PDB file of N, CA and C in Angstrom:
ATOM      1  N   MET A   1      26.037  47.191   0.085  1.00  0.00           N
ATOM      2  CA  MET A   1      24.897  46.371   0.449  1.00  0.00           C
ATOM      3  C   MET A   1      24.622  45.313  -0.616  1.00  0.00           C
ATOM      4  N   ARG A   2      24.854  45.698  -1.872  1.00  0.00           N
ATOM      5  CA  ARG A   2      24.564  44.758  -2.939  1.00  0.00           C
ATOM      6  C   ARG A   2      25.565  43.609  -2.989  1.00  0.00           C
ATOM      7  N   ASN A   3      26.822  43.886  -2.787  1.00  0.00           N
ATOM      8  CA  ASN A   3      27.856  42.872  -2.905  1.00  0.00           C
ATOM      9  C   ASN A   3      27.693  41.734  -1.894  1.00  0.00           C
ATOM     10  N   PRO A   4      27.433  42.016  -0.620  1.00  0.00           N
ATOM     11  CA  PRO A   4      27.228  40.895   0.311  1.00  0.00           C
ATOM     12  C   PRO A   4      26.005  40.052  -0.059  1.00  0.00           C
ATOM     13  N   LEU A   5      24.935  40.674  -0.519  1.00  0.00           N
ATOM     14  CA  LEU A   5      23.745  39.910  -0.901  1.00  0.00           C
ATOM     15  C   LEU A   5      24.019  39.032  -2.116  1.00  0.00           C
ATOM     16  N   LEU A   6      24.751  39.570  -3.067  1.00  0.00           N
ATOM     17  CA  LEU A   6      25.110  38.767  -4.236  1.00  0.00           C
ATOM     18  C   LEU A   6      26.023  37.612  -3.854  1.00  0.00           C
ATOM     19  N   ALA A   7      26.935  37.859  -2.937  1.00  0.00           N
ATOM     20  CA  ALA A   7      27.842  36.793  -2.492  1.00  0.00           C
ATOM     21  C   ALA A   7      27.073  35.681  -1.776  1.00  0.00           C
ATOM     22  N   ILE A   8      26.122  36.070  -0.955  1.00  0.00           N
ATOM     23  CA  ILE A   8      25.300  35.063  -0.247  1.00  0.00           C
ATOM     24  C   ILE A   8      24.455  34.276  -1.242  1.00  0.00           C
ATOM     25  N   ALA A   9      23.851  34.944  -2.207  1.00  0.00           N
ATOM     26  CA  ALA A   9      23.038  34.264  -3.214  1.00  0.00           C
ATOM     27  C   ALA A   9      23.882  33.303  -4.043  1.00  0.00           C
ATOM     28  N   ALA A  10      25.085  33.717  -4.415  1.00  0.00           N
ATOM     29  CA  ALA A  10      25.970  32.856  -5.206  1.00  0.00           C
ATOM     30  C   ALA A  10      26.409  31.645  -4.392  1.00  0.00           C
ATOM     31  N   ALA A  11      26.714  31.852  -3.118  1.00  0.00           N
ATOM     32  CA  ALA A  11      27.131  30.735  -2.263  1.00  0.00           C
ATOM     33  C   ALA A  11      25.990  29.739  -2.070  1.00  0.00           C
ATOM     34  N   THR A  12      24.779  30.253  -1.920  1.00  0.00           N
ATOM     35  CA  THR A  12      23.620  29.383  -1.753  1.00  0.00           C
ATOM     36  C   THR A  12      23.391  28.548  -3.001  1.00  0.00           C
ATOM     37  N   MET A  13      23.522  29.145  -4.161  1.00  0.00           N
ATOM     38  CA  MET A  13      23.331  28.405  -5.403  1.00  0.00           C
ATOM     39  C   MET A  13      24.423  27.363  -5.603  1.00  0.00           C
ATOM     40  N   ALA A  14      25.642  27.679  -5.186  1.00  0.00           N
ATOM     41  CA  ALA A  14      26.744  26.737  -5.335  1.00  0.00           C
ATOM     42  C   ALA A  14      26.566  25.544  -4.406  1.00  0.00           C
ATOM     43  N   ILE A  15      26.088  25.783  -3.210  1.00  0.00           N
ATOM     44  CA  ILE A  15      25.892  24.693  -2.246  1.00  0.00           C
ATOM     45  C   ILE A  15      24.792  23.753  -2.715  1.00  0.00           C
ATOM     46  N   THR A  16      23.699  24.268  -3.259  1.00  0.00           N
ATOM     47  CA  THR A  16      22.603  23.409  -3.709  1.00  0.00           C
ATOM     48  C   THR A  16      22.952  22.665  -4.979  1.00  0.00           C
ATOM     49  N   ALA A  17      23.977  23.113  -5.714  1.00  0.00           N
ATOM     50  CA  ALA A  17      24.368  22.439  -6.942  1.00  0.00           C
ATOM     51  C   ALA A  17      25.270  21.240  -6.683  1.00  0.00           C
ATOM     52  N   ILE A  18      25.830  21.108  -5.489  1.00  0.00           N
ATOM     53  CA  ILE A  18      26.704  19.988  -5.151  1.00  0.00           C
ATOM     54  C   ILE A  18      25.834  18.748  -4.985  1.00  0.00           C
ATOM     55  N   PRO A  19      26.131  17.647  -5.693  1.00  0.00           N
ATOM     56  CA  PRO A  19      25.315  16.443  -5.557  1.00  0.00           C
ATOM     57  C   PRO A  19      25.477  15.814  -4.179  1.00  0.00           C
ATOM     58  N   ALA A  20      24.453  15.130  -3.752  1.00  0.00           N
ATOM     59  CA  ALA A  20      24.492  14.475  -2.453  1.00  0.00           C
ATOM     60  C   ALA A  20      25.452  13.292  -2.503  1.00  0.00           C
ATOM     61  N   VAL A  21      26.137  13.064  -1.412  1.00  0.00           N
ATOM     62  CA  VAL A  21      27.077  11.963  -1.327  1.00  0.00           C
ATOM     63  C   VAL A  21      26.276  10.688  -1.094  1.00  0.00           C
ATOM     64  N   SER A  22      26.497   9.711  -1.949  1.00  0.00           N
ATOM     65  CA  SER A  22      25.746   8.466  -1.807  1.00  0.00           C
ATOM     66  C   SER A  22      26.645   7.387  -1.211  1.00  0.00           C
ATOM     67  N   THR A  23      26.015   6.335  -0.752  1.00  0.00           N
ATOM     68  CA  THR A  23      26.762   5.216  -0.196  1.00  0.00           C
ATOM     69  C   THR A  23      27.370   4.414  -1.338  1.00  0.00           C
ATOM     70  N   PRO A  24      28.463   3.742  -1.103  1.00  0.00           N
ATOM     71  CA  PRO A  24      29.083   2.940  -2.162  1.00  0.00           C
ATOM     72  C   PRO A  24      28.142   1.840  -2.644  1.00  0.00           C
ATOM     73  N   ALA A  25      28.339   1.399  -3.875  1.00  0.00           N
ATOM     74  CA  ALA A  25      27.453   0.399  -4.474  1.00  0.00           C
ATOM     75  C   ALA A  25      27.524  -0.926  -3.725  1.00  0.00           C
ATOM     76  N   TYR A  26      28.686  -1.264  -3.189  1.00  0.00           N
ATOM     77  CA  TYR A  26      28.799  -2.530  -2.493  1.00  0.00           C
ATOM     78  C   TYR A  26      28.082  -2.524  -1.153  1.00  0.00           C
ATOM     79  N   ALA A  27      27.793  -1.355  -0.599  1.00  0.00           N
ATOM     80  CA  ALA A  27      27.115  -1.278   0.689  1.00  0.00           C
ATOM     81  C   ALA A  27      25.619  -1.501   0.540  1.00  0.00           C
ATOM     82  N   LYS A  28      25.088  -1.206  -0.632  1.00  0.00           N
ATOM     83  CA  LYS A  28      23.659  -1.416  -0.845  1.00  0.00           C
ATOM     84  C   LYS A  28      23.402  -2.881  -1.127  1.00  0.00           C
ATOM     85  N   GLU A  29      22.203  -3.327  -0.779  1.00  0.00           N
ATOM     86  CA  GLU A  29      21.842  -4.706  -1.042  1.00  0.00           C
ATOM     87  C   GLU A  29      21.520  -4.850  -2.524  1.00  0.00           C
ATOM     88  N   GLN A  30      22.278  -5.675  -3.188  1.00  0.00           N
ATOM     89  CA  GLN A  30      22.071  -5.911  -4.612  1.00  0.00           C
ATOM     90  C   GLN A  30      21.092  -7.072  -4.768  1.00  0.00           C
ATOM     91  N   ARG A  31      19.940  -6.777  -5.332  1.00  0.00           N
ATOM     92  CA  ARG A  31      18.940  -7.826  -5.537  1.00  0.00           C
ATOM     93  C   ARG A  31      18.887  -8.192  -7.007  1.00  0.00           C
ATOM     94  N   ARG A  32      19.011  -9.450  -7.272  1.00  0.00           N
ATOM     95  CA  ARG A  32      18.842  -9.946  -8.621  1.00  0.00           C
ATOM     96  C   ARG A  32      17.610 -10.832  -8.602  1.00  0.00           C
ATOM     97  N   TYR A  33      16.538 -10.346  -9.209  1.00  0.00           N
ATOM     98  CA  TYR A  33      15.269 -11.048  -9.171  1.00  0.00           C
ATOM     99  C   TYR A  33      15.235 -12.167 -10.200  1.00  0.00           C
ATOM    100  N   HIS A  34      14.580 -13.234  -9.823  1.00  0.00           N
ATOM    101  CA  HIS A  34      14.281 -14.343 -10.720  1.00  0.00           C
ATOM    102  C   HIS A  34      12.772 -14.502 -10.721  1.00  0.00           C
ATOM    103  N   THR A  35      12.217 -15.020 -11.794  1.00  0.00           N
ATOM    104  CA  THR A  35      10.772 -15.182 -11.896  1.00  0.00           C
ATOM    105  C   THR A  35      10.455 -16.634 -12.212  1.00  0.00           C
ATOM    106  N   THR A  36       9.483 -17.201 -11.489  1.00  0.00           N
ATOM    107  CA  THR A  36       9.058 -18.565 -11.751  1.00  0.00           C
ATOM    108  C   THR A  36       8.057 -18.578 -12.904  1.00  0.00           C
ATOM    109  N   ASP A  37       7.612 -19.775 -13.278  1.00  0.00           N
ATOM    110  CA  ASP A  37       6.661 -19.912 -14.387  1.00  0.00           C
ATOM    111  C   ASP A  37       5.326 -19.258 -14.091  1.00  0.00           C
ATOM    112  N   ASN A  38       4.918 -19.235 -12.820  1.00  0.00           N
ATOM    113  CA  ASN A  38       3.619 -18.646 -12.480  1.00  0.00           C
ATOM    114  C   ASN A  38       3.720 -17.177 -12.081  1.00  0.00           C
ATOM    115  N   GLY A  39       4.868 -16.533 -12.315  1.00  0.00           N
ATOM    116  CA  GLY A  39       4.985 -15.101 -12.128  1.00  0.00           C
ATOM    117  C   GLY A  39       5.436 -14.634 -10.758  1.00  0.00           C
ATOM    118  N   VAL A  40       5.862 -15.529  -9.888  1.00  0.00           N
ATOM    119  CA  VAL A  40       6.332 -15.143  -8.563  1.00  0.00           C
ATOM    120  C   VAL A  40       7.792 -14.724  -8.674  1.00  0.00           C
ATOM    121  N   ARG A  41       8.099 -13.516  -8.207  1.00  0.00           N
ATOM    122  CA  ARG A  41       9.473 -13.017  -8.226  1.00  0.00           C
ATOM    123  C   ARG A  41      10.148 -13.376  -6.905  1.00  0.00           C
ATOM    124  N   TYR A  42      11.381 -13.828  -6.982  1.00  0.00           N
ATOM    125  CA  TYR A  42      12.120 -14.154  -5.768  1.00  0.00           C
ATOM    126  C   TYR A  42      13.567 -13.724  -5.935  1.00  0.00           C
ATOM    127  N   TRP A  43      14.252 -13.596  -4.806  1.00  0.00           N
ATOM    128  CA  TRP A  43      15.668 -13.253  -4.804  1.00  0.00           C
ATOM    129  C   TRP A  43      16.317 -13.899  -3.604  1.00  0.00           C
ATOM    130  N   ARG A  44      17.619 -14.032  -3.678  1.00  0.00           N
ATOM    131  CA  ARG A  44      18.379 -14.610  -2.577  1.00  0.00           C
ATOM    132  C   ARG A  44      19.009 -13.485  -1.792  1.00  0.00           C
ATOM    133  N   GLY A  45      18.730 -13.444  -0.503  1.00  0.00           N
ATOM    134  CA  GLY A  45      19.232 -12.382   0.357  1.00  0.00           C
ATOM    135  C   GLY A  45      20.690 -12.585   0.719  1.00  0.00           C
ATOM    136  N   ASN A  46      21.254 -11.608   1.392  1.00  0.00           N
ATOM    137  CA  ASN A  46      22.651 -11.680   1.819  1.00  0.00           C
ATOM    138  C   ASN A  46      22.881 -12.781   2.840  1.00  0.00           C
ATOM    139  N   ASP A  47      21.811 -13.205   3.520  1.00  0.00           N
ATOM    140  CA  ASP A  47      21.932 -14.262   4.509  1.00  0.00           C
ATOM    141  C   ASP A  47      21.770 -15.659   3.914  1.00  0.00           C
ATOM    142  N   GLY A  48      21.573 -15.748   2.591  1.00  0.00           N
ATOM    143  CA  GLY A  48      21.454 -17.040   1.929  1.00  0.00           C
ATOM    144  C   GLY A  48      20.035 -17.549   1.799  1.00  0.00           C
ATOM    145  N   GLN A  49      19.070 -16.880   2.399  1.00  0.00           N
ATOM    146  CA  GLN A  49      17.684 -17.318   2.309  1.00  0.00           C
ATOM    147  C   GLN A  49      17.018 -16.711   1.081  1.00  0.00           C
ATOM    148  N   TYR A  50      15.969 -17.398   0.603  1.00  0.00           N
ATOM    149  CA  TYR A  50      15.208 -16.901  -0.530  1.00  0.00           C
ATOM    150  C   TYR A  50      14.003 -16.109  -0.033  1.00  0.00           C
ATOM    151  N   TYR A  51      13.704 -15.031  -0.705  1.00  0.00           N
ATOM    152  CA  TYR A  51      12.573 -14.175  -0.370  1.00  0.00           C
ATOM    153  C   TYR A  51      11.695 -14.024  -1.604  1.00  0.00           C
ATOM    154  N   CYS A  52      10.384 -13.984  -1.392  1.00  0.00           N
ATOM    155  CA  CYS A  52       9.438 -13.913  -2.502  1.00  0.00           C
ATOM    156  C   CYS A  52       8.718 -12.576  -2.533  1.00  0.00           C
ATOM    157  N   LYS A  53       8.336 -12.166  -3.716  1.00  0.00           N
ATOM    158  CA  LYS A  53       7.439 -11.032  -3.903  1.00  0.00           C
ATOM    159  C   LYS A  53       6.233 -11.578  -4.634  1.00  0.00           C
ATOM    160  N   ARG A  54       5.160 -11.752  -3.884  1.00  0.00           N
ATOM    161  CA  ARG A  54       3.942 -12.327  -4.446  1.00  0.00           C
ATOM    162  C   ARG A  54       2.918 -11.247  -4.725  1.00  0.00           C
ATOM    163  N   SER A  55       1.994 -11.591  -5.578  1.00  0.00           N
ATOM    164  CA  SER A  55       0.897 -10.678  -5.884  1.00  0.00           C
ATOM    165  C   SER A  55      -0.036 -10.603  -4.684  1.00  0.00           C
ATOM    166  N   ASN A  56      -0.542  -9.416  -4.387  1.00  0.00           N
ATOM    167  CA  ASN A  56      -1.452  -9.280  -3.259  1.00  0.00           C
ATOM    168  C   ASN A  56      -2.908  -9.381  -3.686  1.00  0.00           C
ATOM    169  N   GLY A  57      -3.186  -9.564  -4.969  1.00  0.00           N
ATOM    170  CA  GLY A  57      -4.548  -9.798  -5.434  1.00  0.00           C
ATOM    171  C   GLY A  57      -5.335  -8.558  -5.768  1.00  0.00           C
ATOM    172  N   THR A  58      -4.689  -7.411  -5.928  1.00  0.00           N
ATOM    173  CA  THR A  58      -5.414  -6.174  -6.189  1.00  0.00           C
ATOM    174  C   THR A  58      -6.087  -6.184  -7.550  1.00  0.00           C
ATOM    175  N   THR A  59      -5.405  -6.669  -8.572  1.00  0.00           N
ATOM    176  CA  THR A  59      -5.995  -6.708  -9.907  1.00  0.00           C
ATOM    177  C   THR A  59      -7.196  -7.641  -9.933  1.00  0.00           C
ATOM    178  N   GLY A  60      -7.069  -8.795  -9.317  1.00  0.00           N
ATOM    179  CA  GLY A  60      -8.193  -9.727  -9.245  1.00  0.00           C
ATOM    180  C   GLY A  60      -9.366  -9.144  -8.487  1.00  0.00           C
ATOM    181  N   LEU A  61      -9.069  -8.374  -7.445  1.00  0.00           N
ATOM    182  CA  LEU A  61     -10.121  -7.720  -6.666  1.00  0.00           C
ATOM    183  C   LEU A  61     -10.906  -6.739  -7.521  1.00  0.00           C
ATOM    184  N   LEU A  62     -10.208  -5.915  -8.293  1.00  0.00           N
ATOM    185  CA  LEU A  62     -10.883  -4.907  -9.117  1.00  0.00           C
ATOM    186  C   LEU A  62     -11.668  -5.534 -10.259  1.00  0.00           C
ATOM    187  N   VAL A  63     -11.077  -6.502 -10.934  1.00  0.00           N
ATOM    188  CA  VAL A  63     -11.781  -7.162 -12.039  1.00  0.00           C
ATOM    189  C   VAL A  63     -12.969  -7.954 -11.509  1.00  0.00           C
ATOM    190  N   GLY A  64     -12.788  -8.630 -10.392  1.00  0.00           N
ATOM    191  CA  GLY A  64     -13.886  -9.388  -9.799  1.00  0.00           C
ATOM    192  C   GLY A  64     -15.019  -8.497  -9.327  1.00  0.00           C
ATOM    193  N   ALA A  65     -14.695  -7.335  -8.786  1.00  0.00           N
ATOM    194  CA  ALA A  65     -15.731  -6.407  -8.338  1.00  0.00           C
ATOM    195  C   ALA A  65     -16.536  -5.885  -9.511  1.00  0.00           C
ATOM    196  N   ALA A  66     -15.873  -5.564 -10.617  1.00  0.00           N
ATOM    197  CA  ALA A  66     -16.589  -5.069 -11.795  1.00  0.00           C
ATOM    198  C   ALA A  66     -17.477  -6.153 -12.381  1.00  0.00           C
ATOM    199  N   ALA A  67     -16.940  -7.355 -12.517  1.00  0.00           N
ATOM    200  CA  ALA A  67     -17.741  -8.453 -13.068  1.00  0.00           C
ATOM    201  C   ALA A  67     -18.884  -8.819 -12.128  1.00  0.00           C
ATOM    202  N   GLY A  68     -18.625  -8.821 -10.833  1.00  0.00           N
ATOM    203  CA  GLY A  68     -19.679  -9.137  -9.861  1.00  0.00           C
ATOM    204  C   GLY A  68     -20.778  -8.091  -9.839  1.00  0.00           C
ATOM    205  N   ALA A  69     -20.408  -6.825  -9.989  1.00  0.00           N
ATOM    206  CA  ALA A  69     -21.417  -5.765 -10.026  1.00  0.00           C
ATOM    207  C   ALA A  69     -22.312  -5.909 -11.238  1.00  0.00           C
ATOM    208  N   LEU A  70     -21.738  -6.226 -12.382  1.00  0.00           N
ATOM    209  CA  LEU A  70     -22.553  -6.423 -13.596  1.00  0.00           C
ATOM    210  C   LEU A  70     -23.452  -7.645 -13.459  1.00  0.00           C
ATOM    211  N   ALA A  71     -22.905  -8.722 -12.910  1.00  0.00           N
ATOM    212  CA  ALA A  71     -23.719  -9.927 -12.726  1.00  0.00           C
ATOM    213  C   ALA A  71     -24.812  -9.691 -11.697  1.00  0.00           C
ATOM    214  N   GLY A  72     -24.505  -9.018 -10.604  1.00  0.00           N
ATOM    215  CA  GLY A  72     -25.512  -8.732  -9.583  1.00  0.00           C
ATOM    216  C   GLY A  72     -26.608  -7.824 -10.092  1.00  0.00           C
ATOM    217  N   ARG A  73     -26.252  -6.882 -10.924  1.00  0.00           N
ATOM    218  CA  ARG A  73     -27.252  -5.981 -11.512  1.00  0.00           C
ATOM    219  C   ARG A  73     -28.162  -6.739 -12.478  1.00  0.00           C
ATOM    220  N   ALA A  74     -27.612  -7.673 -13.218  1.00  0.00           N
ATOM    221  CA  ALA A  74     -28.423  -8.452 -14.160  1.00  0.00           C
ATOM    222  C   ALA A  74     -29.345  -9.421 -13.434  1.00  0.00           C
ATOM    223  N   ILE A  75     -28.887  -9.964 -12.313  1.00  0.00           N
ATOM    224  CA  ILE A  75     -29.708 -10.922 -11.579  1.00  0.00           C
ATOM    225  C   ILE A  75     -30.826 -10.224 -10.828  1.00  0.00           C
ATOM    226  N   ASP A  76     -30.545  -9.100 -10.187  1.00  0.00           N
ATOM    227  CA  ASP A  76     -31.554  -8.371  -9.415  1.00  0.00           C
ATOM    228  C   ASP A  76     -32.362  -7.487 -10.363  1.00  0.00           C
ATOM    229  N   SER A  77     -33.583  -7.913 -10.666  1.00  0.00           N
ATOM    230  CA  SER A  77     -34.402  -7.171 -11.640  1.00  0.00           C
ATOM    231  C   SER A  77     -35.534  -6.389 -10.983  1.00  0.00           C
ATOM    232  N   HIS A  78     -35.557  -6.303  -9.659  1.00  0.00           N
ATOM    233  CA  HIS A  78     -36.643  -5.604  -8.957  1.00  0.00           C
ATOM    234  C   HIS A  78     -36.151  -4.259  -8.432  1.00  0.00           C
ATOM    235  N   GLY A  79     -36.928  -3.239  -8.556  1.00  0.00           N
ATOM    236  CA  GLY A  79     -36.632  -1.946  -7.958  1.00  0.00           C
ATOM    237  C   GLY A  79     -35.434  -1.252  -8.587  1.00  0.00           C
ATOM    238  N   SER A  80     -34.617  -0.650  -7.745  1.00  0.00           N
ATOM    239  CA  SER A  80     -33.495   0.139  -8.251  1.00  0.00           C
ATOM    240  C   SER A  80     -32.272  -0.717  -8.574  1.00  0.00           C
ATOM    241  N   ARG A  81     -32.258  -1.955  -8.197  1.00  0.00           N
ATOM    242  CA  ARG A  81     -31.197  -2.935  -8.458  1.00  0.00           C
ATOM    243  C   ARG A  81     -29.873  -2.576  -7.786  1.00  0.00           C
ATOM    244  N   ALA A  82     -29.892  -1.651  -6.850  1.00  0.00           N
ATOM    245  CA  ALA A  82     -28.660  -1.268  -6.148  1.00  0.00           C
ATOM    246  C   ALA A  82     -28.181  -2.382  -5.223  1.00  0.00           C
ATOM    247  N   THR A  83     -29.120  -3.063  -4.589  1.00  0.00           N
ATOM    248  CA  THR A  83     -28.748  -4.137  -3.662  1.00  0.00           C
ATOM    249  C   THR A  83     -28.005  -5.244  -4.393  1.00  0.00           C
ATOM    250  N   GLY A  84     -28.505  -5.645  -5.530  1.00  0.00           N
ATOM    251  CA  GLY A  84     -27.842  -6.700  -6.307  1.00  0.00           C
ATOM    252  C   GLY A  84     -26.478  -6.268  -6.809  1.00  0.00           C
ATOM    253  N   THR A  85     -26.378  -5.006  -7.194  1.00  0.00           N
ATOM    254  CA  THR A  85     -25.098  -4.496  -7.682  1.00  0.00           C
ATOM    255  C   THR A  85     -24.054  -4.483  -6.573  1.00  0.00           C
ATOM    256  N   ILE A  86     -24.449  -4.015  -5.398  1.00  0.00           N
ATOM    257  CA  ILE A  86     -23.516  -3.934  -4.267  1.00  0.00           C
ATOM    258  C   ILE A  86     -23.105  -5.314  -3.781  1.00  0.00           C
ATOM    259  N   LEU A  87     -24.069  -6.208  -3.628  1.00  0.00           N
ATOM    260  CA  LEU A  87     -23.744  -7.562  -3.181  1.00  0.00           C
ATOM    261  C   LEU A  87     -22.908  -8.307  -4.215  1.00  0.00           C
ATOM    262  N   GLY A  88     -23.238  -8.136  -5.489  1.00  0.00           N
ATOM    263  CA  GLY A  88     -22.458  -8.774  -6.548  1.00  0.00           C
ATOM    264  C   GLY A  88     -21.030  -8.263  -6.592  1.00  0.00           C
ATOM    265  N   ALA A  89     -20.864  -6.945  -6.408  1.00  0.00           N
ATOM    266  CA  ALA A  89     -19.517  -6.367  -6.406  1.00  0.00           C
ATOM    267  C   ALA A  89     -18.705  -6.900  -5.233  1.00  0.00           C
ATOM    268  N   ALA A  90     -19.310  -6.995  -4.062  1.00  0.00           N
ATOM    269  CA  ALA A  90     -18.587  -7.501  -2.887  1.00  0.00           C
ATOM    270  C   ALA A  90     -18.189  -8.964  -3.073  1.00  0.00           C
ATOM    271  N   ALA A  91     -19.122  -9.784  -3.539  1.00  0.00           N
ATOM    272  CA  ALA A  91     -18.821 -11.201  -3.747  1.00  0.00           C
ATOM    273  C   ALA A  91     -17.786 -11.387  -4.854  1.00  0.00           C
ATOM    274  N   GLY A  92     -17.909 -10.636  -5.934  1.00  0.00           N
ATOM    275  CA  GLY A  92     -16.953 -10.738  -7.028  1.00  0.00           C
ATOM    276  C   GLY A  92     -15.567 -10.280  -6.625  1.00  0.00           C
ATOM    277  N   ALA A  93     -15.490  -9.236  -5.793  1.00  0.00           N
ATOM    278  CA  ALA A  93     -14.193  -8.750  -5.331  1.00  0.00           C
ATOM    279  C   ALA A  93     -13.485  -9.801  -4.486  1.00  0.00           C
ATOM    280  N   LEU A  94     -14.213 -10.411  -3.573  1.00  0.00           N
ATOM    281  CA  LEU A  94     -13.601 -11.451  -2.736  1.00  0.00           C
ATOM    282  C   LEU A  94     -13.169 -12.656  -3.565  1.00  0.00           C
ATOM    283  N   LEU A  95     -14.013 -13.056  -4.491  1.00  0.00           N
ATOM    284  CA  LEU A  95     -13.698 -14.209  -5.333  1.00  0.00           C
ATOM    285  C   LEU A  95     -12.511 -13.910  -6.252  1.00  0.00           C
ATOM    286  N   GLY A  96     -12.493 -12.747  -6.877  1.00  0.00           N
ATOM    287  CA  GLY A  96     -11.393 -12.382  -7.762  1.00  0.00           C
ATOM    288  C   GLY A  96     -10.064 -12.275  -7.041  1.00  0.00           C
ATOM    289  N   ARG A  97     -10.092 -11.737  -5.833  1.00  0.00           N
ATOM    290  CA  ARG A  97      -8.859 -11.615  -5.044  1.00  0.00           C
ATOM    291  C   ARG A  97      -8.299 -12.981  -4.690  1.00  0.00           C
ATOM    292  N   GLU A  98      -9.174 -13.879  -4.270  1.00  0.00           N
ATOM    293  CA  GLU A  98      -8.715 -15.217  -3.890  1.00  0.00           C
ATOM    294  C   GLU A  98      -8.213 -16.009  -5.091  1.00  0.00           C
ATOM    295  N   VAL A  99      -8.842 -15.828  -6.236  1.00  0.00           N
ATOM    296  CA  VAL A  99      -8.383 -16.529  -7.434  1.00  0.00           C
ATOM    297  C   VAL A  99      -6.982 -16.066  -7.813  1.00  0.00           C
ATOM    298  N   GLN A 100      -6.742 -14.762  -7.798  1.00  0.00           N
ATOM    299  CA  GLN A 100      -5.426 -14.273  -8.162  1.00  0.00           C
ATOM    300  C   GLN A 100      -4.377 -14.658  -7.133  1.00  0.00           C
ATOM    301  N   ARG A 101      -4.704 -14.607  -5.884  1.00  0.00           N
ATOM    302  CA  ARG A 101      -3.724 -14.965  -4.852  1.00  0.00           C
ATOM    303  C   ARG A 101      -3.408 -16.452  -4.882  1.00  0.00           C
ATOM    304  N   SER A 102      -4.372 -17.297  -5.229  1.00  0.00           N
ATOM    305  CA  SER A 102      -4.122 -18.731  -5.275  1.00  0.00           C
ATOM    306  C   SER A 102      -3.225 -19.102  -6.452  1.00  0.00           C
ATOM    307  N   GLN A 103      -3.236 -18.291  -7.511  1.00  0.00           N
ATOM    308  CA  GLN A 103      -2.383 -18.580  -8.650  1.00  0.00           C
ATOM    309  C   GLN A 103      -0.927 -18.273  -8.359  1.00  0.00           C
ATOM    310  N   SER A 104      -0.660 -17.421  -7.416  1.00  0.00           N
ATOM    311  CA  SER A 104       0.719 -17.042  -7.137  1.00  0.00           C
ATOM    312  C   SER A 104       1.238 -17.652  -5.839  1.00  0.00           C
ATOM    313  N   GLN A 105       0.711 -18.788  -5.462  1.00  0.00           N
ATOM    314  CA  GLN A 105       1.191 -19.453  -4.253  1.00  0.00           C
ATOM    315  C   GLN A 105       2.422 -20.276  -4.591  1.00  0.00           C
ATOM    316  N   ALA A 106       3.527 -19.909  -4.057  1.00  0.00           N
ATOM    317  CA  ALA A 106       4.776 -20.651  -4.242  1.00  0.00           C
ATOM    318  C   ALA A 106       5.547 -20.590  -2.931  1.00  0.00           C
ATOM    319  N   ARG A 107       6.277 -21.626  -2.668  1.00  0.00           N
ATOM    320  CA  ARG A 107       7.071 -21.646  -1.442  1.00  0.00           C
ATOM    321  C   ARG A 107       8.494 -21.252  -1.761  1.00  0.00           C
ATOM    322  N   CYS A 108       9.030 -20.423  -0.943  1.00  0.00           N
ATOM    323  CA  CYS A 108      10.428 -20.042  -1.093  1.00  0.00           C
ATOM    324  C   CYS A 108      11.264 -21.007  -0.276  1.00  0.00           C
ATOM    325  N   ARG A 109      12.266 -21.560  -0.889  1.00  0.00           N
ATOM    326  CA  ARG A 109      13.114 -22.520  -0.177  1.00  0.00           C
ATOM    327  C   ARG A 109      14.511 -22.015  -0.083  1.00  0.00           C
TER     328      ARG A 109
END
């Protein structure tokens, strides 16, 4: 009873130790990224066209929301000041996102 169980356990361990077969390197799309002066990354596809990787504005959104919340809290001096904080955060988030996205506008040719 012990020998068959040991044989099965050994076979299972041997099978999981075999590395997975990968596709050849030439079959994968090789991307060589280039970066413009304003930080936009682009690459040339296999079809000859250029493709861009632009910033989606997440960092600007977060920084703008924090700055807007602080500014809204300072401006709203009545009551609990929650309304000013919330409105300031929303306005700052939208403004920060648009500022960051406008800096990374580039056309791929």
